[in-house]
Amino acid sequence: MTDSAVAPEHLDVVIVGAGLSGIGAAYRLQTDHPHRSYAILEARATLGGTWDLFRYPGIRSDSDMFTLGYPFKPWRAAKSIADGASILDYIRETAEENGIDRRIRFGSRVIGADWSSAQGHWRLTIAHEGEDGPELSTLTCGFLYTCAGYYDYQQPHDPEFAGRADFAGTVVHPQFWPAELDVRDKRIVVIGSGATAVTLVPSLAAEAEHVTMLQRTPSWISAVPGRDKQADKIRELLPAGLAHRVIRTKNILFNIGFYQYCRRRPAAARKLLTGLATRILKDERLVAEHFTPDYDPWDQRLCAAPDADFFKAMKKGKATVVTDRIAEFVPEGIRLESGKVLPADIVVTATGLRLLAFGGIAPSVDGNPVELSEQFVWQGAMLTGLPNFAICVGYTNASWTLRADLTSRLVCKVLAHLDRTGAVAVVPDPKGTLGKRPLLDLNAGYIQRSIAAFPRQGDRHPWRVRQNYLLDALFTLRTDLGKTLRRVERVGEFTRNG
């Protein structure tokens, strides 16, 4: 498939990514703008994004499904903290029920996006896997909305460890979990203490001889109910749609309240979380050594343990936690800086993900690359320097979909604004100097390693990327678009704003 003299296909809107966000964006677009042509470009061969790509044992949500799910499609399953397969089924069902699956173009990776001031549209270069290697095609669109998240799904963070080649066992990374890997009766060491490690340990412990979680420093881990009993009662009393809205509101308020409690009263939050872990494990010394981080709760995202499964695996003697640093791999396992050797048949490097801005798309304007790190984010959605371009970035302290859905509704409002004003395009314009802040304001290592390459947030509204759904829900869709979005109508009118 190559370019020819025939003009490329043109669409009103292109959505990049057919994961949870992309399917939700398509629903909003075709509901609010049924007359607009659109397609979803998905690099992989199937939909689902994260929930199809990651196949490691026990993969699940770390947010409740009443808020991680779509507001327009009630979550009907019993468990509030759902497994990956159930979430994937939910996404597929949403796409099929609304005909969105027919708008997805699989095997279509966007490798180039150039805004043409002369034509007033985006020109996309798309790579498709062919029998003899990648084949290229082009497509133009009036508005580009990337819902590919901010993780690098082809290359995780996988640091080198001394002596790794000498290890006689198997080393795997959760991002590329081998389907044929047999963990039965194996000694397993999981390196890491983030959400992935906390998910893996109890799942692996069910079949393995023993699982050891090796962490350099502790993380905050909180036991949470796997099933929401209050939600069950509400669903018994109310129709499905109304029950979903009530439960969703309840959970939003609780999660925001707990986050604010942790940020405003960190000492009390530390006492609460360590007290909860101590009540489960019955060992204050163990909690002090392995489950009491130096940082305050929500300086980094909390790890959830549904029904205390992580702690229960420890109580049963099927799992242990070791806090130490790796000196080197040895044939029989891992030697620690303390001198102790952890024997292992399998080592799982749950060392985290790498950030990659918006699926790796490097946008340009009239052939000139736009440096993303010099741009500012408007309303958490659009970027200075790029007309008719939006990104989908979720919350770090709440369910991703809460902001994702708000952003998709805002994109629909911007499209309506274009119709109403007759503008070809709009671009955010700060009309003055903004103070620079990182886009994601967490101290997590995976963020700190890469965030400098991302656009910035500013120091005032609407350039701040708030981590407060209630404020965003109140004000995002009420914003006066004419005040901060500059019209782009004629050839040569657009100039980049950094």
Protein backbone atom coordinates (compact mmCIF):
# COMPACT_ATOMS: atom_id res chain seq x y z
CA MET A 1 0.00 0.00 0.00
CA THR A 2 1.74 3.22 -1.11
CA ASP A 3 0.85 6.79 -1.90
CA SER A 4 -0.26 7.49 -5.46
CA ALA A 5 -1.46 10.44 -7.47
CA VAL A 6 -4.93 9.89 -6.01
CA ALA A 7 -5.67 12.20 -3.10
CA PRO A 8 -5.51 10.38 0.24
CA GLU A 9 -8.69 9.57 2.12
CA HIS A 10 -9.89 12.39 4.33
CA LEU A 11 -11.75 12.01 7.64
CA ASP A 12 -13.14 14.65 9.95
CA VAL A 13 -11.57 13.06 13.05
CA VAL A 14 -8.94 10.40 13.64
CA ILE A 15 -8.66 8.74 17.04
CA VAL A 16 -5.36 6.99 17.78
CA GLY A 17 -5.67 3.90 19.97
CA ALA A 18 -8.49 1.39 20.47
CA GLY A 19 -8.10 0.89 24.20
CA LEU A 20 -10.38 1.94 27.03
CA SER A 21 -9.93 5.65 26.20
CA GLY A 22 -10.21 5.33 22.42
CA ILE A 23 -13.46 3.35 22.54
CA GLY A 24 -14.91 5.88 24.99
CA ALA A 25 -13.79 8.76 22.75
CA ALA A 26 -15.48 7.16 19.74
CA TYR A 27 -18.73 6.76 21.67
CA ARG A 28 -18.76 10.44 22.62
CA LEU A 29 -17.84 11.54 19.11
CA GLN A 30 -20.49 9.55 17.28
CA THR A 31 -23.11 10.47 19.90
CA ASP A 32 -22.43 14.22 19.90
CA HIS A 33 -21.37 14.54 16.23
CA PRO A 34 -23.07 11.76 14.28
CA HIS A 35 -22.49 13.59 10.99
CA ARG A 36 -18.71 13.54 11.32
CA SER A 37 -16.61 10.87 9.64
CA TYR A 38 -14.03 9.21 11.84
CA ALA A 39 -11.82 6.17 12.27
CA ILE A 40 -9.77 4.66 15.09
CA LEU A 41 -6.21 3.76 14.13
CA GLU A 42 -4.90 0.88 16.24
CA ALA A 43 -1.31 -0.29 15.89
CA ARG A 44 -2.02 -3.77 17.19
CA ALA A 45 -4.23 -6.48 15.68
CA THR A 46 -6.97 -6.24 18.29
CA LEU A 47 -8.71 -3.73 20.55
CA GLY A 48 -8.33 -3.35 24.30
CA GLY A 49 -5.00 -1.59 24.64
CA THR A 50 -3.48 -2.25 28.05
CA TRP A 51 -6.10 -4.84 28.88
CA ASP A 52 -5.21 -6.98 25.89
CA LEU A 53 -1.47 -6.38 25.81
CA PHE A 54 -0.66 -7.31 29.40
CA ARG A 55 -1.16 -11.01 30.12
CA TYR A 56 0.73 -11.57 33.35
CA PRO A 57 -0.95 -13.64 36.10
CA GLY A 58 -3.55 -11.80 38.15
CA ILE A 59 -3.66 -8.64 36.03
CA ARG A 60 -6.50 -6.48 37.28
CA SER A 61 -7.62 -2.91 37.77
CA ASP A 62 -6.31 -0.92 40.71
CA SER A 63 -9.35 1.35 40.56
CA ASP A 64 -12.96 0.34 41.12
CA MET A 65 -14.83 -0.44 37.92
CA PHE A 66 -17.70 1.90 38.74
CA THR A 67 -15.30 4.79 38.10
CA LEU A 68 -12.87 3.07 35.71
CA GLY A 69 -15.82 1.98 33.59
CA TYR A 70 -17.73 4.29 31.28
CA PRO A 71 -20.43 6.57 32.74
CA PHE A 72 -22.70 5.63 29.82
CA LYS A 73 -22.37 1.84 30.32
CA PRO A 74 -23.13 0.45 33.79
CA TRP A 75 -20.66 -2.04 35.23
CA ARG A 76 -22.75 -5.14 35.99
CA ALA A 77 -20.19 -7.69 37.18
CA ALA A 78 -19.97 -8.63 40.83
CA LYS A 79 -16.39 -7.60 41.55
CA SER A 80 -15.57 -3.93 41.91
CA ILE A 81 -11.84 -4.57 41.43
CA ALA A 82 -11.97 -6.55 38.20
CA ASP A 83 -9.57 -8.90 36.45
CA GLY A 84 -8.07 -7.96 33.10
CA ALA A 85 -10.14 -10.45 31.10
CA SER A 86 -13.40 -9.02 32.46
CA ILE A 87 -12.31 -5.48 31.64
CA LEU A 88 -11.35 -6.53 28.12
CA ASP A 89 -14.78 -8.15 27.65
CA TYR A 90 -16.39 -4.92 28.86
CA ILE A 91 -14.44 -2.83 26.31
CA ARG A 92 -15.25 -5.24 23.48
CA GLU A 93 -18.93 -5.29 24.41
CA THR A 94 -19.05 -1.48 24.42
CA ALA A 95 -17.42 -1.33 20.99
CA GLU A 96 -19.73 -3.96 19.49
CA GLU A 97 -22.95 -2.57 20.99
CA ASN A 98 -22.27 0.84 19.48
CA GLY A 99 -20.80 -0.21 16.14
CA ILE A 100 -17.45 1.26 17.13
CA ASP A 101 -15.63 -1.97 16.27
CA ARG A 102 -16.47 -1.36 12.61
CA ARG A 103 -14.59 1.96 12.71
CA ILE A 104 -11.30 0.46 13.94
CA ARG A 105 -8.44 -0.01 11.48
CA PHE A 106 -6.12 -2.56 13.01
CA GLY A 107 -2.43 -2.86 12.22
CA SER A 108 -2.25 0.89 11.59
CA ARG A 109 0.55 2.63 13.46
CA VAL A 110 0.78 6.42 13.10
CA ILE A 111 4.46 7.21 12.50
CA GLY A 112 4.08 10.76 11.24
CA ALA A 113 1.62 13.62 11.75
CA ASP A 114 2.12 16.94 9.96
CA TRP A 115 -0.28 19.88 10.10
CA SER A 116 -0.60 21.69 6.79
CA SER A 117 -1.37 25.38 7.15
CA ALA A 118 -2.13 25.54 3.44
CA GLN A 119 -4.69 22.73 3.54
CA GLY A 120 -5.94 23.23 7.11
CA HIS A 121 -5.67 19.56 8.04
CA TRP A 122 -3.40 16.87 9.43
CA ARG A 123 -1.54 14.55 7.08
CA LEU A 124 -0.83 11.23 8.76
CA THR A 125 1.74 8.67 7.70
CA ILE A 126 0.63 5.20 8.71
CA ALA A 127 2.72 2.02 8.82
CA HIS A 128 1.07 -1.35 8.20
CA GLU A 129 2.76 -4.72 8.59
CA GLY A 130 3.08 -6.35 5.17
CA GLU A 131 4.53 -9.66 4.05
CA ASP A 132 7.79 -8.00 3.03
CA GLY A 133 7.96 -5.52 5.90
CA PRO A 134 6.18 -2.28 6.78
CA GLU A 135 4.02 -0.66 4.11
CA LEU A 136 3.08 3.01 4.26
CA SER A 137 -0.11 4.87 3.52
CA THR A 138 -1.36 8.40 4.09
CA LEU A 139 -4.57 9.78 5.49
CA THR A 140 -5.72 13.32 6.20
CA CYS A 141 -8.02 14.52 8.94
CA GLY A 142 -9.37 17.75 10.31
CA PHE A 143 -8.84 16.86 13.98
CA LEU A 144 -6.36 14.43 15.55
CA TYR A 145 -7.11 12.95 18.97
CA THR A 146 -4.52 10.60 20.45
CA CYS A 147 -5.83 8.14 23.03
CA ALA A 148 -2.71 5.98 23.11
CA GLY A 149 -1.81 6.87 26.71
CA TYR A 150 1.73 7.69 27.78
CA TYR A 151 3.41 4.29 28.17
CA ASP A 152 5.88 2.63 25.81
CA TYR A 153 4.17 -0.66 25.03
CA GLN A 154 7.09 -1.99 22.99
CA GLN A 155 9.92 -1.35 25.43
CA PRO A 156 9.51 -1.52 29.23
CA HIS A 157 11.95 -0.22 31.83
CA ASP A 158 14.26 -3.20 32.15
CA PRO A 159 17.53 -2.25 33.86
CA GLU A 160 20.68 -4.31 33.44
CA PHE A 161 21.76 -6.42 36.40
CA ALA A 162 25.29 -7.68 36.87
CA GLY A 163 25.63 -11.39 36.19
CA ARG A 164 22.21 -11.75 34.63
CA ALA A 165 23.58 -13.97 31.87
CA ASP A 166 24.93 -16.36 34.52
CA PHE A 167 21.50 -17.07 36.02
CA ALA A 168 20.53 -20.69 35.35
CA GLY A 169 16.79 -20.05 35.56
CA THR A 170 14.27 -17.99 33.56
CA VAL A 171 13.98 -14.19 33.58
CA VAL A 172 10.72 -12.60 32.43
CA HIS A 173 9.28 -9.09 32.33
CA PRO A 174 5.54 -8.78 33.06
CA GLN A 175 5.02 -6.71 29.91
CA PHE A 176 5.96 -9.73 27.79
CA TRP A 177 4.70 -12.65 29.88
CA PRO A 178 5.28 -16.00 28.11
CA ALA A 179 2.01 -17.89 27.78
CA GLU A 180 3.82 -21.21 28.18
CA LEU A 181 5.66 -20.30 31.40
CA ASP A 182 5.01 -22.95 34.07
CA VAL A 183 5.26 -21.55 37.60
CA ARG A 184 4.05 -24.64 39.44
CA ASP A 185 6.28 -25.61 42.36
CA LYS A 186 8.88 -23.04 41.33
CA ARG A 187 10.83 -20.65 43.53
CA ILE A 188 10.10 -17.18 42.18
CA VAL A 189 11.66 -13.81 42.95
CA VAL A 190 9.68 -10.76 41.88
CA ILE A 191 11.88 -7.65 41.65
CA GLY A 192 9.87 -4.52 42.40
CA SER A 193 7.24 -3.24 44.79
CA GLY A 194 4.81 -1.36 42.57
CA ALA A 195 1.28 -2.24 41.51
CA THR A 196 2.44 -4.97 39.10
CA ALA A 197 4.55 -6.74 41.74
CA VAL A 198 1.76 -6.48 44.33
CA THR A 199 -0.61 -8.04 41.79
CA LEU A 200 1.80 -10.80 40.75
CA VAL A 201 2.83 -12.06 44.18
CA PRO A 202 -0.50 -13.50 45.42
CA SER A 203 -1.38 -14.85 41.99
CA LEU A 204 1.94 -16.65 41.56
CA ALA A 205 1.91 -17.83 45.17
CA ALA A 206 -1.22 -19.89 44.49
CA GLU A 207 0.86 -22.33 42.38
CA ALA A 208 4.52 -21.66 43.10
CA GLU A 209 6.58 -23.30 45.82
CA HIS A 210 7.38 -19.85 47.18
CA VAL A 211 7.39 -16.23 45.98
CA THR A 212 9.74 -13.54 47.26
CA MET A 213 9.11 -9.89 46.50
CA LEU A 214 12.47 -8.12 46.44
CA GLN A 215 12.21 -4.37 46.93
CA ARG A 216 14.82 -1.66 47.29
CA THR A 217 12.44 0.43 49.37
CA PRO A 218 8.88 -0.17 50.61
CA SER A 219 5.73 1.06 48.88
CA TRP A 220 2.40 1.92 50.43
CA ILE A 221 0.05 -1.05 50.04
CA SER A 222 -3.57 -0.79 51.12
CA ALA A 223 -6.05 -3.64 51.44
CA VAL A 224 -9.31 -2.81 49.66
CA PRO A 225 -12.55 -4.78 49.25
CA GLY A 226 -12.64 -6.77 46.01
CA ARG A 227 -16.42 -6.49 46.08
CA ASP A 228 -18.37 -3.37 47.00
CA LYS A 229 -21.15 -4.50 49.35
CA GLN A 230 -22.77 -1.08 49.39
CA ALA A 231 -22.84 -1.14 45.60
CA ASP A 232 -24.50 -4.56 45.68
CA LYS A 233 -27.26 -3.17 47.90
CA ILE A 234 -27.75 -0.11 45.72
CA ARG A 235 -28.01 -2.31 42.61
CA GLU A 236 -30.70 -4.37 44.33
CA LEU A 237 -32.81 -1.29 45.02
CA LEU A 238 -32.37 0.87 41.91
CA PRO A 239 -32.53 0.42 38.12
CA ALA A 240 -29.15 -0.34 36.54
CA GLY A 241 -28.50 3.10 35.04
CA LEU A 242 -29.46 5.04 38.17
CA ALA A 243 -27.62 2.60 40.44
CA HIS A 244 -24.46 3.03 38.35
CA ARG A 245 -24.63 6.82 38.70
CA VAL A 246 -25.21 6.65 42.45
CA ILE A 247 -22.38 4.15 43.02
CA ARG A 248 -20.06 6.09 40.74
CA THR A 249 -20.74 9.31 42.66
CA LYS A 250 -20.25 7.55 46.01
CA ASN A 251 -16.90 6.13 44.94
CA ILE A 252 -15.69 9.39 43.41
CA LEU A 253 -16.42 11.24 46.64
CA PHE A 254 -14.77 8.57 48.78
CA ASN A 255 -11.63 8.40 46.63
CA ILE A 256 -11.23 12.18 46.47
CA GLY A 257 -11.86 12.41 50.21
CA PHE A 258 -9.24 9.79 51.01
CA TYR A 259 -6.70 11.41 48.69
CA GLN A 260 -7.24 14.81 50.32
CA TYR A 261 -6.96 13.21 53.76
CA CYS A 262 -3.60 11.68 52.81
CA ARG A 263 -2.27 14.95 51.40
CA ARG A 264 -3.48 17.19 54.22
CA ARG A 265 -2.83 14.84 57.13
CA PRO A 266 0.10 12.67 56.04
CA ALA A 267 1.05 11.59 59.57
CA ALA A 268 -2.47 10.38 60.26
CA ALA A 269 -2.62 8.64 56.88
CA ARG A 270 0.67 6.86 57.59
CA LYS A 271 -0.70 5.67 60.93
CA LEU A 272 -3.90 4.48 59.30
CA LEU A 273 -2.15 2.45 56.59
CA THR A 274 0.48 0.93 58.85
CA GLY A 275 -2.22 0.12 61.40
CA LEU A 276 -4.28 -1.66 58.77
CA ALA A 277 -1.29 -3.72 57.61
CA THR A 278 -0.42 -4.57 61.21
CA ARG A 279 -3.96 -5.77 61.97
CA ILE A 280 -3.73 -8.15 59.01
CA LEU A 281 -0.14 -9.39 59.45
CA LYS A 282 -0.06 -9.28 63.29
CA ASP A 283 3.59 -8.19 63.19
CA GLU A 284 4.54 -4.56 63.90
CA ARG A 285 8.22 -5.19 63.21
CA LEU A 286 7.48 -6.71 59.80
CA VAL A 287 5.28 -3.75 58.86
CA ALA A 288 7.86 -1.23 60.06
CA GLU A 289 10.64 -2.86 58.03
CA HIS A 290 8.85 -3.72 54.78
CA PHE A 291 5.61 -1.71 54.54
CA THR A 292 6.46 1.75 55.90
CA PRO A 293 7.94 3.91 53.12
CA ASP A 294 10.00 7.05 53.72
CA TYR A 295 7.62 9.05 51.49
CA ASP A 296 4.09 10.07 52.44
CA PRO A 297 0.98 8.35 51.08
CA TRP A 298 0.13 9.61 47.58
CA ASP A 299 3.56 11.10 46.98
CA GLN A 300 3.40 8.03 44.77
CA ARG A 301 0.28 6.12 43.77
CA LEU A 302 -0.97 3.67 46.39
CA CYS A 303 -0.91 -0.05 45.55
CA ALA A 304 -4.22 -1.83 46.10
CA ALA A 305 -4.47 -5.36 47.50
CA PRO A 306 -8.04 -6.58 46.81
CA ASP A 307 -9.39 -8.53 49.77
CA ALA A 308 -5.89 -8.24 51.28
CA ASP A 309 -4.70 -10.99 48.91
CA PHE A 310 -1.08 -9.86 49.06
CA PHE A 311 -0.99 -9.93 52.86
CA LYS A 312 -2.87 -13.23 53.01
CA ALA A 313 -0.24 -14.89 50.82
CA MET A 314 2.37 -13.78 53.35
CA LYS A 315 0.35 -15.04 56.31
CA LYS A 316 0.05 -18.46 54.65
CA GLY A 317 3.82 -18.62 54.28
CA LYS A 318 3.60 -18.70 50.47
CA ALA A 319 5.23 -15.28 50.04
CA THR A 320 7.81 -13.14 51.75
CA VAL A 321 9.15 -9.62 51.28
CA VAL A 322 12.85 -8.78 51.33
CA THR A 323 14.06 -5.18 51.44
CA ASP A 324 17.59 -5.04 50.06
CA ARG A 325 19.57 -4.19 46.93
CA ILE A 326 20.81 -6.52 44.22
CA ALA A 327 24.56 -7.09 44.11
CA GLU A 328 24.44 -9.53 41.19
CA PHE A 329 22.68 -12.47 39.64
CA VAL A 330 24.31 -15.84 40.32
CA PRO A 331 23.47 -19.21 38.74
CA GLU A 332 21.22 -20.21 41.63
CA GLY A 333 19.43 -16.90 42.09
CA ILE A 334 20.19 -13.35 43.25
CA ARG A 335 22.96 -12.26 45.62
CA LEU A 336 22.00 -9.22 47.68
CA GLU A 337 24.26 -6.45 48.94
CA SER A 338 23.79 -7.91 52.42
CA GLY A 339 25.46 -11.10 51.16
CA LYS A 340 22.33 -13.24 51.30
CA VAL A 341 21.41 -15.28 48.22
CA LEU A 342 17.76 -15.59 47.20
CA PRO A 343 17.36 -18.94 45.42
CA ALA A 344 15.17 -18.76 42.32
CA ASP A 345 14.00 -20.82 39.38
CA ILE A 346 12.23 -17.81 37.88
CA VAL A 347 13.00 -14.10 38.28
CA VAL A 348 10.28 -11.62 37.33
CA THR A 349 11.61 -8.12 36.68
CA ALA A 350 8.57 -6.03 37.64
CA THR A 351 10.78 -2.97 37.35
CA GLY A 352 8.21 -0.73 35.74
CA LEU A 353 7.22 0.86 32.49
CA ARG A 354 8.75 3.55 30.33
CA LEU A 355 6.88 6.68 29.37
CA LEU A 356 6.39 7.50 25.71
CA ALA A 357 4.51 10.62 24.70
CA PHE A 358 1.24 9.85 22.92
CA GLY A 359 2.12 6.59 21.23
CA GLY A 360 5.42 7.91 19.94
CA ILE A 361 3.82 10.37 17.51
CA ALA A 362 6.23 13.25 16.82
CA PRO A 363 3.95 15.97 15.38
CA SER A 364 5.13 18.69 13.04
CA VAL A 365 3.68 21.82 11.49
CA ASP A 366 4.39 22.52 7.81
CA GLY A 367 7.22 20.02 8.02
CA ASN A 368 8.82 21.65 11.07
CA PRO A 369 9.01 19.40 14.17
CA VAL A 370 7.24 20.72 17.25
CA GLU A 371 9.23 20.17 20.44
CA LEU A 372 6.64 18.72 22.84
CA SER A 373 8.61 19.64 25.95
CA GLU A 374 8.27 23.32 25.02
CA GLN A 375 4.48 23.19 24.77
CA PHE A 376 1.79 23.68 27.41
CA VAL A 377 -1.31 21.61 27.99
CA TRP A 378 -4.66 23.40 27.90
CA GLN A 379 -7.47 21.92 30.04
CA GLY A 380 -5.45 18.70 30.23
CA ALA A 381 -6.41 18.10 26.60
CA MET A 382 -4.96 20.30 23.84
CA LEU A 383 -1.42 21.58 23.26
CA THR A 384 0.01 24.94 22.35
CA GLY A 385 1.82 24.77 19.03
CA LEU A 386 -0.54 22.17 17.55
CA PRO A 387 -3.89 23.14 15.99
CA ASN A 388 -6.81 20.72 16.20
CA PHE A 389 -4.78 18.26 18.24
CA ALA A 390 -5.86 16.69 21.53
CA ILE A 391 -4.42 14.14 23.94
CA CYS A 392 -6.07 11.88 26.48
CA VAL A 393 -4.32 11.78 29.86
CA GLY A 394 -6.04 10.32 32.92
CA TYR A 395 -5.71 11.07 36.61
CA THR A 396 -2.79 9.86 38.70
CA ASN A 397 -4.86 9.87 41.91
CA ALA A 398 -8.13 8.43 40.59
CA SER A 399 -9.56 6.29 37.81
CA TRP A 400 -8.08 7.07 34.40
CA THR A 401 -11.49 7.09 32.73
CA LEU A 402 -12.85 9.94 34.84
CA ARG A 403 -10.64 12.47 33.09
CA ALA A 404 -10.55 10.53 29.81
CA ASP A 405 -14.31 10.86 29.44
CA LEU A 406 -14.24 14.56 30.40
CA THR A 407 -11.53 15.14 27.79
CA SER A 408 -13.54 13.37 25.08
CA ARG A 409 -16.58 15.49 25.90
CA LEU A 410 -14.38 18.60 25.78
CA VAL A 411 -13.07 17.58 22.34
CA CYS A 412 -16.68 17.30 21.18
CA LYS A 413 -17.32 20.79 22.53
CA VAL A 414 -14.30 22.12 20.61
CA LEU A 415 -15.63 20.51 17.42
CA ALA A 416 -18.98 22.18 18.00
CA HIS A 417 -17.14 25.47 18.54
CA LEU A 418 -15.46 25.06 15.14
CA ASP A 419 -18.87 24.51 13.53
CA ARG A 420 -20.43 27.46 15.29
CA THR A 421 -17.63 29.94 14.53
CA GLY A 422 -16.74 28.66 11.07
CA ALA A 423 -13.07 28.36 12.02
CA VAL A 424 -10.89 25.85 10.21
CA ALA A 425 -8.96 25.11 13.38
CA VAL A 426 -8.13 26.35 16.85
CA VAL A 427 -4.93 26.27 18.88
CA PRO A 428 -4.51 27.05 22.61
CA ASP A 429 -2.96 30.46 23.20
CA PRO A 430 -1.80 31.43 26.73
CA LYS A 431 -1.51 35.13 25.82
CA GLY A 432 1.39 35.64 28.19
CA THR A 433 4.12 33.82 30.07
CA LEU A 434 3.31 30.67 32.02
CA GLY A 435 5.25 29.13 34.89
CA LYS A 436 6.41 25.63 33.97
CA ARG A 437 5.41 22.55 35.92
CA PRO A 438 5.77 18.87 34.98
CA LEU A 439 2.71 17.35 33.33
CA LEU A 440 2.51 14.52 35.90
CA ASP A 441 3.24 15.62 39.45
CA LEU A 442 4.20 12.31 41.09
CA ASN A 443 7.57 11.27 42.47
CA ALA A 444 7.38 7.75 41.01
CA GLY A 445 10.57 6.61 39.31
CA TYR A 446 8.88 5.74 36.01
CA ILE A 447 7.60 9.31 35.77
CA GLN A 448 10.80 11.03 36.84
CA ARG A 449 12.86 9.09 34.28
CA SER A 450 10.99 10.47 31.25
CA ILE A 451 8.68 13.34 32.13
CA ALA A 452 11.10 16.04 30.87
CA ALA A 453 10.26 15.00 27.28
CA PHE A 454 6.54 15.68 27.78
CA PRO A 455 4.55 18.91 27.44
CA ARG A 456 4.29 21.02 30.59
CA GLN A 457 1.41 22.28 32.62
CA GLY A 458 1.27 25.92 33.57
CA ASP A 459 0.77 27.71 36.86
CA ARG A 460 -2.81 28.88 36.37
CA HIS A 461 -6.14 27.77 34.99
CA PRO A 462 -6.78 26.52 32.30
CA TRP A 463 -3.14 25.49 31.95
CA ARG A 464 -3.02 23.53 35.21
CA VAL A 465 -3.65 19.79 34.99
CA ARG A 466 -5.67 19.38 38.15
CA GLN A 467 -5.88 16.09 40.01
CA ASN A 468 -9.39 16.83 41.24
CA TYR A 469 -12.29 15.35 39.32
CA LEU A 470 -14.93 17.37 41.17
CA LEU A 471 -13.40 20.68 40.09
CA ASP A 472 -12.82 19.42 36.56
CA ALA A 473 -16.40 18.13 36.31
CA LEU A 474 -17.70 21.52 37.43
CA PHE A 475 -15.57 23.77 35.21
CA THR A 476 -14.02 21.91 32.25
CA LEU A 477 -17.10 21.86 30.04
CA ARG A 478 -18.14 25.38 31.10
CA THR A 479 -14.94 27.01 29.91
CA ASP A 480 -15.21 29.91 27.46
CA LEU A 481 -13.39 28.48 24.46
CA GLY A 482 -13.08 31.83 22.74
CA LYS A 483 -10.85 33.23 25.50
CA THR A 484 -8.00 30.76 25.25
CA LEU A 485 -8.40 29.04 21.87
CA ARG A 486 -7.15 31.07 18.92
CA ARG A 487 -8.82 30.66 15.54
CA VAL A 488 -6.80 29.37 12.62
CA GLU A 489 -8.51 30.17 9.33
CA ARG A 490 -6.18 31.18 6.52
CA VAL A 491 -2.91 30.04 4.98
CA GLY A 492 -0.02 31.50 6.90
CA GLU A 493 -2.17 32.63 9.81
CA PHE A 494 -0.90 29.93 12.14
CA THR A 495 2.34 30.51 13.99
CA ARG A 496 3.63 28.26 16.71
CA ASN A 497 3.24 29.28 20.34
CA GLY A 498 5.71 27.87 22.85
